[in-house]
Amino acid sequence: MGLDLQCPLEISNDGCNQRTLHVTYSYIHVVRYILTEMTIKYLRNIKFRESFEPGISLKEYFVKSPHDRSQQEEIGYEEQEEDFDTHRNKLIDFLSESLNIKKVSYGLNGVLFPINYDMWIEKQNFDLNYYMNEFGILGLKHFVNHSDCEGYFSYGECIDIMNLFSRVFDKEFLTDEYDCIFFEDLIELLKTTIAQKSYILFG
């Protein structure tokens, strides 16, 4: 049992009409955990008065966020820097609290997942979507707070997820060869989806 992520393609010369990535249900939670860890590191390292530059390999998928655009302007207001710190710290706290343990475990209270999904569903004391969009990490919400019952990632969601990867992807979080292969395949699937202006179906 598992989850297939499928990008429908125009039929190619080899007769292939889709690109597919298979993942087990337990491992998708680990992938979400790793992506959340990467995002926390990214948020901790960005600076108010320093422009962020994505790595060369994913640069074409980088989309400037409101914070990125503000770096091109002369910023002279202390309250803007205070807002930056407040919004970033609220996101770091939220994402840190959303992490449980890396491996799925079974105990007296049932299954404990690496991600506390209830936190994503509960109403926050701040506008989570607005804050995530401000720093260009809304793709994390699409990827983490998304049930396979919802059926697909839209083309726009795939763009947001790749924008997230262009900011946060860090191989130091990939602890074994399987992690490396899976993340490479996931990125290639998203690249194909964006190139085809398509979407990813869950099967």
C-alpha atoms as a PDB file:
ATOM      1  CA  MET A   1       0.000   0.000   0.000  1.00  0.00           C
ATOM      2  CA  GLY A   2       1.132   3.490  -0.728  1.00  0.00           C
ATOM      3  CA  LEU A   3       0.581   6.656  -2.650  1.00  0.00           C
ATOM      4  CA  ASP A   4       1.404   7.269  -6.314  1.00  0.00           C
ATOM      5  CA  LEU A   5       2.108  10.854  -7.387  1.00  0.00           C
ATOM      6  CA  GLN A   6       1.366  11.014 -11.098  1.00  0.00           C
ATOM      7  CA  CYS A   7       1.913  13.793 -13.619  1.00  0.00           C
ATOM      8  CA  PRO A   8      -0.141  13.216 -16.796  1.00  0.00           C
ATOM      9  CA  LEU A   9       2.015  13.917 -19.875  1.00  0.00           C
ATOM     10  CA  GLU A  10       1.480  14.352 -23.564  1.00  0.00           C
ATOM     11  CA  ILE A  11       2.288  10.940 -25.054  1.00  0.00           C
ATOM     12  CA  SER A  12       6.019  10.893 -25.781  1.00  0.00           C
ATOM     13  CA  ASN A  13       8.014   8.957 -28.398  1.00  0.00           C
ATOM     14  CA  ASP A  14       8.356   6.016 -26.015  1.00  0.00           C
ATOM     15  CA  GLY A  15       4.570   5.875 -25.542  1.00  0.00           C
ATOM     16  CA  CYS A  16       4.741   7.129 -21.939  1.00  0.00           C
ATOM     17  CA  ASN A  17       1.733   9.220 -20.936  1.00  0.00           C
ATOM     18  CA  GLN A  18       2.572   9.896 -17.308  1.00  0.00           C
ATOM     19  CA  ARG A  19       5.447  10.270 -14.873  1.00  0.00           C
ATOM     20  CA  THR A  20       4.913   8.509 -11.532  1.00  0.00           C
ATOM     21  CA  LEU A  21       6.580   8.588  -8.133  1.00  0.00           C
ATOM     22  CA  HIS A  22       5.591   5.939  -5.585  1.00  0.00           C
ATOM     23  CA  VAL A  23       5.824   6.600  -1.850  1.00  0.00           C
ATOM     24  CA  THR A  24       4.592   4.630   1.149  1.00  0.00           C
ATOM     25  CA  TYR A  25       2.036   6.232   3.452  1.00  0.00           C
ATOM     26  CA  SER A  26       4.461   6.141   6.369  1.00  0.00           C
ATOM     27  CA  TYR A  27       7.326   7.725   4.414  1.00  0.00           C
ATOM     28  CA  ILE A  28       5.297  10.695   3.126  1.00  0.00           C
ATOM     29  CA  HIS A  29       5.014  11.838   6.762  1.00  0.00           C
ATOM     30  CA  VAL A  30       8.810  11.656   7.081  1.00  0.00           C
ATOM     31  CA  VAL A  31       9.212  13.699   3.870  1.00  0.00           C
ATOM     32  CA  ARG A  32       6.916  16.360   5.330  1.00  0.00           C
ATOM     33  CA  TYR A  33       8.961  16.338   8.538  1.00  0.00           C
ATOM     34  CA  ILE A  34      12.230  16.822   6.630  1.00  0.00           C
ATOM     35  CA  LEU A  35      10.770  19.654   4.529  1.00  0.00           C
ATOM     36  CA  THR A  36       9.537  21.356   7.695  1.00  0.00           C
ATOM     37  CA  GLU A  37      13.013  21.088   9.240  1.00  0.00           C
ATOM     38  CA  MET A  38      14.542  22.615   6.100  1.00  0.00           C
ATOM     39  CA  THR A  39      12.025  25.463   6.207  1.00  0.00           C
ATOM     40  CA  ILE A  40      12.760  26.240   9.853  1.00  0.00           C
ATOM     41  CA  LYS A  41      16.477  26.473   9.027  1.00  0.00           C
ATOM     42  CA  TYR A  42      15.720  28.791   6.087  1.00  0.00           C
ATOM     43  CA  LEU A  43      13.612  31.097   8.290  1.00  0.00           C
ATOM     44  CA  ARG A  44      16.301  31.202  10.973  1.00  0.00           C
ATOM     45  CA  ASN A  45      18.941  32.214   8.423  1.00  0.00           C
ATOM     46  CA  ILE A  46      17.199  34.908   6.385  1.00  0.00           C
ATOM     47  CA  LYS A  47      17.918  38.524   7.306  1.00  0.00           C
ATOM     48  CA  PHE A  48      15.774  41.633   7.077  1.00  0.00           C
ATOM     49  CA  ARG A  49      18.316  43.685   5.153  1.00  0.00           C
ATOM     50  CA  GLU A  50      19.932  40.906   3.085  1.00  0.00           C
ATOM     51  CA  SER A  51      18.443  39.646  -0.178  1.00  0.00           C
ATOM     52  CA  PHE A  52      18.014  35.898  -0.441  1.00  0.00           C
ATOM     53  CA  GLU A  53      19.706  34.211  -3.399  1.00  0.00           C
ATOM     54  CA  PRO A  54      18.566  30.698  -4.364  1.00  0.00           C
ATOM     55  CA  GLY A  55      21.047  28.010  -5.361  1.00  0.00           C
ATOM     56  CA  ILE A  56      21.881  27.721  -9.051  1.00  0.00           C
ATOM     57  CA  SER A  57      20.189  24.321  -9.566  1.00  0.00           C
ATOM     58  CA  LEU A  58      16.703  25.555  -8.563  1.00  0.00           C
ATOM     59  CA  LYS A  59      17.064  29.260  -9.376  1.00  0.00           C
ATOM     60  CA  GLU A  60      14.571  29.224 -12.252  1.00  0.00           C
ATOM     61  CA  TYR A  61      11.826  28.101  -9.831  1.00  0.00           C
ATOM     62  CA  PHE A  62      12.401  30.956  -7.386  1.00  0.00           C
ATOM     63  CA  VAL A  63       9.483  33.412  -7.218  1.00  0.00           C
ATOM     64  CA  LYS A  64      10.032  36.644  -5.310  1.00  0.00           C
ATOM     65  CA  SER A  65       7.870  36.989  -2.224  1.00  0.00           C
ATOM     66  CA  PRO A  66       6.668  40.284  -0.693  1.00  0.00           C
ATOM     67  CA  HIS A  67       9.692  40.165   1.642  1.00  0.00           C
ATOM     68  CA  ASP A  68      12.074  39.565  -1.292  1.00  0.00           C
ATOM     69  CA  ARG A  69      10.610  42.520  -3.199  1.00  0.00           C
ATOM     70  CA  SER A  70      10.942  44.785  -0.154  1.00  0.00           C
ATOM     71  CA  GLN A  71      14.700  44.108  -0.133  1.00  0.00           C
ATOM     72  CA  GLN A  72      14.984  46.042  -3.389  1.00  0.00           C
ATOM     73  CA  GLU A  73      13.546  49.142  -1.748  1.00  0.00           C
ATOM     74  CA  GLU A  74      15.175  51.471   0.717  1.00  0.00           C
ATOM     75  CA  ILE A  75      13.717  50.439   4.042  1.00  0.00           C
ATOM     76  CA  GLY A  76      14.009  52.984   6.776  1.00  0.00           C
ATOM     77  CA  TYR A  77      11.260  52.114   9.200  1.00  0.00           C
ATOM     78  CA  GLU A  78      12.057  50.249  12.384  1.00  0.00           C
ATOM     79  CA  GLU A  79       8.508  48.917  12.645  1.00  0.00           C
ATOM     80  CA  GLN A  80       8.981  47.080   9.341  1.00  0.00           C
ATOM     81  CA  GLU A  81      11.983  45.268  10.772  1.00  0.00           C
ATOM     82  CA  GLU A  82      10.008  44.518  13.930  1.00  0.00           C
ATOM     83  CA  ASP A  83       7.199  43.065  11.781  1.00  0.00           C
ATOM     84  CA  PHE A  84       9.742  40.948   9.926  1.00  0.00           C
ATOM     85  CA  ASP A  85      11.114  39.534  13.198  1.00  0.00           C
ATOM     86  CA  THR A  86       7.653  39.002  14.690  1.00  0.00           C
ATOM     87  CA  HIS A  87       6.238  37.238  11.628  1.00  0.00           C
ATOM     88  CA  ARG A  88       9.326  35.087  11.117  1.00  0.00           C
ATOM     89  CA  ASN A  89       9.471  34.070  14.799  1.00  0.00           C
ATOM     90  CA  LYS A  90       5.773  33.158  14.852  1.00  0.00           C
ATOM     91  CA  LEU A  91       6.310  30.913  11.837  1.00  0.00           C
ATOM     92  CA  ILE A  92       9.409  29.306  13.382  1.00  0.00           C
ATOM     93  CA  ASP A  93       7.498  28.641  16.621  1.00  0.00           C
ATOM     94  CA  PHE A  94       4.494  27.236  14.763  1.00  0.00           C
ATOM     95  CA  LEU A  95       6.562  24.941  12.539  1.00  0.00           C
ATOM     96  CA  SER A  96       8.771  23.777  15.435  1.00  0.00           C
ATOM     97  CA  GLU A  97       5.724  22.907  17.540  1.00  0.00           C
ATOM     98  CA  SER A  98       4.204  21.023  14.587  1.00  0.00           C
ATOM     99  CA  LEU A  99       7.046  18.470  14.651  1.00  0.00           C
ATOM    100  CA  ASN A 100       6.680  15.367  16.784  1.00  0.00           C
ATOM    101  CA  ILE A 101       9.204  12.615  16.139  1.00  0.00           C
ATOM    102  CA  LYS A 102      10.802  11.553  12.894  1.00  0.00           C
ATOM    103  CA  LYS A 103       9.563   7.969  12.801  1.00  0.00           C
ATOM    104  CA  VAL A 104       5.948   6.882  12.887  1.00  0.00           C
ATOM    105  CA  SER A 105       5.335   5.013  16.140  1.00  0.00           C
ATOM    106  CA  TYR A 106       2.489   3.060  17.706  1.00  0.00           C
ATOM    107  CA  GLY A 107       1.583   3.455  21.348  1.00  0.00           C
ATOM    108  CA  LEU A 108      -1.312   3.412  23.793  1.00  0.00           C
ATOM    109  CA  ASN A 109      -2.813   6.461  22.090  1.00  0.00           C
ATOM    110  CA  GLY A 110      -2.619   4.965  18.599  1.00  0.00           C
ATOM    111  CA  VAL A 111      -0.394   6.171  15.774  1.00  0.00           C
ATOM    112  CA  LEU A 112       1.910   9.113  16.468  1.00  0.00           C
ATOM    113  CA  PHE A 113       2.937  10.813  13.233  1.00  0.00           C
ATOM    114  CA  PRO A 114       6.079  12.944  12.782  1.00  0.00           C
ATOM    115  CA  ILE A 115       3.794  15.921  12.046  1.00  0.00           C
ATOM    116  CA  ASN A 116       1.120  17.204  14.411  1.00  0.00           C
ATOM    117  CA  TYR A 117      -1.553  17.698  11.742  1.00  0.00           C
ATOM    118  CA  ASP A 118      -4.054  19.087  14.261  1.00  0.00           C
ATOM    119  CA  MET A 119      -1.940  22.250  14.477  1.00  0.00           C
ATOM    120  CA  TRP A 120      -2.402  22.886  10.754  1.00  0.00           C
ATOM    121  CA  ILE A 121      -6.172  22.545  11.097  1.00  0.00           C
ATOM    122  CA  GLU A 122      -6.620  24.621  14.263  1.00  0.00           C
ATOM    123  CA  LYS A 123      -7.190  28.365  14.035  1.00  0.00           C
ATOM    124  CA  GLN A 124      -3.961  30.269  14.754  1.00  0.00           C
ATOM    125  CA  ASN A 125      -3.584  33.631  16.475  1.00  0.00           C
ATOM    126  CA  PHE A 126      -2.035  34.963  13.251  1.00  0.00           C
ATOM    127  CA  ASP A 127      -2.790  34.700   9.531  1.00  0.00           C
ATOM    128  CA  LEU A 128      -0.754  31.611   8.626  1.00  0.00           C
ATOM    129  CA  ASN A 129      -1.316  31.910   4.858  1.00  0.00           C
ATOM    130  CA  TYR A 130      -0.356  35.586   4.827  1.00  0.00           C
ATOM    131  CA  TYR A 131       2.819  35.012   6.857  1.00  0.00           C
ATOM    132  CA  MET A 132       3.897  32.010   4.783  1.00  0.00           C
ATOM    133  CA  ASN A 133       3.288  33.892   1.546  1.00  0.00           C
ATOM    134  CA  GLU A 134       5.289  36.838   2.910  1.00  0.00           C
ATOM    135  CA  PHE A 135       8.401  34.622   3.042  1.00  0.00           C
ATOM    136  CA  GLY A 136       7.676  32.527  -0.072  1.00  0.00           C
ATOM    137  CA  ILE A 137       7.054  29.269   1.805  1.00  0.00           C
ATOM    138  CA  LEU A 138       3.341  28.705   1.133  1.00  0.00           C
ATOM    139  CA  GLY A 139       4.341  25.554  -0.762  1.00  0.00           C
ATOM    140  CA  LEU A 140       5.049  23.911   2.606  1.00  0.00           C
ATOM    141  CA  LYS A 141       1.402  24.254   3.593  1.00  0.00           C
ATOM    142  CA  HIS A 142       0.305  22.738   0.269  1.00  0.00           C
ATOM    143  CA  PHE A 143       2.624  19.770   0.781  1.00  0.00           C
ATOM    144  CA  VAL A 144       2.139  19.127   4.504  1.00  0.00           C
ATOM    145  CA  ASN A 145      -1.495  20.000   5.113  1.00  0.00           C
ATOM    146  CA  HIS A 146      -2.794  17.992   2.178  1.00  0.00           C
ATOM    147  CA  SER A 147      -4.701  14.735   2.263  1.00  0.00           C
ATOM    148  CA  ASP A 148      -4.469  12.215  -0.576  1.00  0.00           C
ATOM    149  CA  CYS A 149      -8.301  12.334  -0.462  1.00  0.00           C
ATOM    150  CA  GLU A 150      -8.026  15.827  -1.985  1.00  0.00           C
ATOM    151  CA  GLY A 151      -6.843  14.110  -5.147  1.00  0.00           C
ATOM    152  CA  TYR A 152      -4.148  16.334  -6.647  1.00  0.00           C
ATOM    153  CA  PHE A 153      -1.679  19.215  -6.480  1.00  0.00           C
ATOM    154  CA  SER A 154      -2.725  21.951  -8.920  1.00  0.00           C
ATOM    155  CA  TYR A 155      -0.265  23.586 -11.318  1.00  0.00           C
ATOM    156  CA  GLY A 156      -0.188  26.663  -9.046  1.00  0.00           C
ATOM    157  CA  GLU A 157       0.473  24.539  -5.952  1.00  0.00           C
ATOM    158  CA  CYS A 158       3.354  22.814  -7.787  1.00  0.00           C
ATOM    159  CA  ILE A 159       4.865  26.229  -8.557  1.00  0.00           C
ATOM    160  CA  ASP A 160       4.576  27.175  -4.863  1.00  0.00           C
ATOM    161  CA  ILE A 161       6.181  23.872  -3.793  1.00  0.00           C
ATOM    162  CA  MET A 162       9.097  24.367  -6.195  1.00  0.00           C
ATOM    163  CA  ASN A 163       9.497  27.951  -4.959  1.00  0.00           C
ATOM    164  CA  LEU A 164       9.752  26.432  -1.474  1.00  0.00           C
ATOM    165  CA  PHE A 165      12.423  23.978  -2.681  1.00  0.00           C
ATOM    166  CA  SER A 166      14.387  26.820  -4.307  1.00  0.00           C
ATOM    167  CA  ARG A 167      14.612  28.446  -0.864  1.00  0.00           C
ATOM    168  CA  VAL A 168      14.944  25.589   1.607  1.00  0.00           C
ATOM    169  CA  PHE A 169      16.393  22.511  -0.095  1.00  0.00           C
ATOM    170  CA  ASP A 170      19.414  21.391   1.886  1.00  0.00           C
ATOM    171  CA  LYS A 171      21.021  17.964   1.423  1.00  0.00           C
ATOM    172  CA  GLU A 172      22.339  17.958   4.990  1.00  0.00           C
ATOM    173  CA  PHE A 173      18.835  16.911   6.105  1.00  0.00           C
ATOM    174  CA  LEU A 174      18.881  13.827   3.865  1.00  0.00           C
ATOM    175  CA  THR A 175      20.286  11.218   6.191  1.00  0.00           C
ATOM    176  CA  ASP A 176      20.503   8.235   3.850  1.00  0.00           C
ATOM    177  CA  GLU A 177      20.573   7.264   0.181  1.00  0.00           C
ATOM    178  CA  TYR A 178      16.837   6.589   0.075  1.00  0.00           C
ATOM    179  CA  ASP A 179      16.100  10.164   1.219  1.00  0.00           C
ATOM    180  CA  CYS A 180      18.428  11.530  -1.483  1.00  0.00           C
ATOM    181  CA  ILE A 181      16.868   9.446  -4.261  1.00  0.00           C
ATOM    182  CA  PHE A 182      13.312  10.230  -3.195  1.00  0.00           C
ATOM    183  CA  PHE A 183      13.852  13.994  -2.975  1.00  0.00           C
ATOM    184  CA  GLU A 184      15.666  14.023  -6.338  1.00  0.00           C
ATOM    185  CA  ASP A 185      12.751  12.129  -7.917  1.00  0.00           C
ATOM    186  CA  LEU A 186      10.189  14.407  -6.266  1.00  0.00           C
ATOM    187  CA  ILE A 187      11.947  17.516  -7.577  1.00  0.00           C
ATOM    188  CA  GLU A 188      12.133  16.007 -11.089  1.00  0.00           C
ATOM    189  CA  LEU A 189       8.410  15.171 -10.953  1.00  0.00           C
ATOM    190  CA  LEU A 190       7.593  18.761  -9.955  1.00  0.00           C
ATOM    191  CA  LYS A 191       9.884  20.149 -12.685  1.00  0.00           C
ATOM    192  CA  THR A 192       8.127  17.968 -15.281  1.00  0.00           C
ATOM    193  CA  THR A 193       4.716  19.074 -14.016  1.00  0.00           C
ATOM    194  CA  ILE A 194       5.624  22.755 -14.287  1.00  0.00           C
ATOM    195  CA  ALA A 195       7.223  22.325 -17.725  1.00  0.00           C
ATOM    196  CA  GLN A 196       4.060  20.574 -18.945  1.00  0.00           C
ATOM    197  CA  LYS A 197       1.790  23.134 -17.200  1.00  0.00           C
ATOM    198  CA  SER A 198       0.106  20.088 -15.714  1.00  0.00           C
ATOM    199  CA  TYR A 199      -0.820  18.846 -12.211  1.00  0.00           C
ATOM    200  CA  ILE A 200       0.000  15.921  -9.924  1.00  0.00           C
ATOM    201  CA  LEU A 201      -2.693  13.306  -9.320  1.00  0.00           C
ATOM    202  CA  PHE A 202      -2.723  11.068  -6.248  1.00  0.00           C
ATOM    203  CA  GLY A 203      -3.335   7.446  -7.126  1.00  0.00           C
END
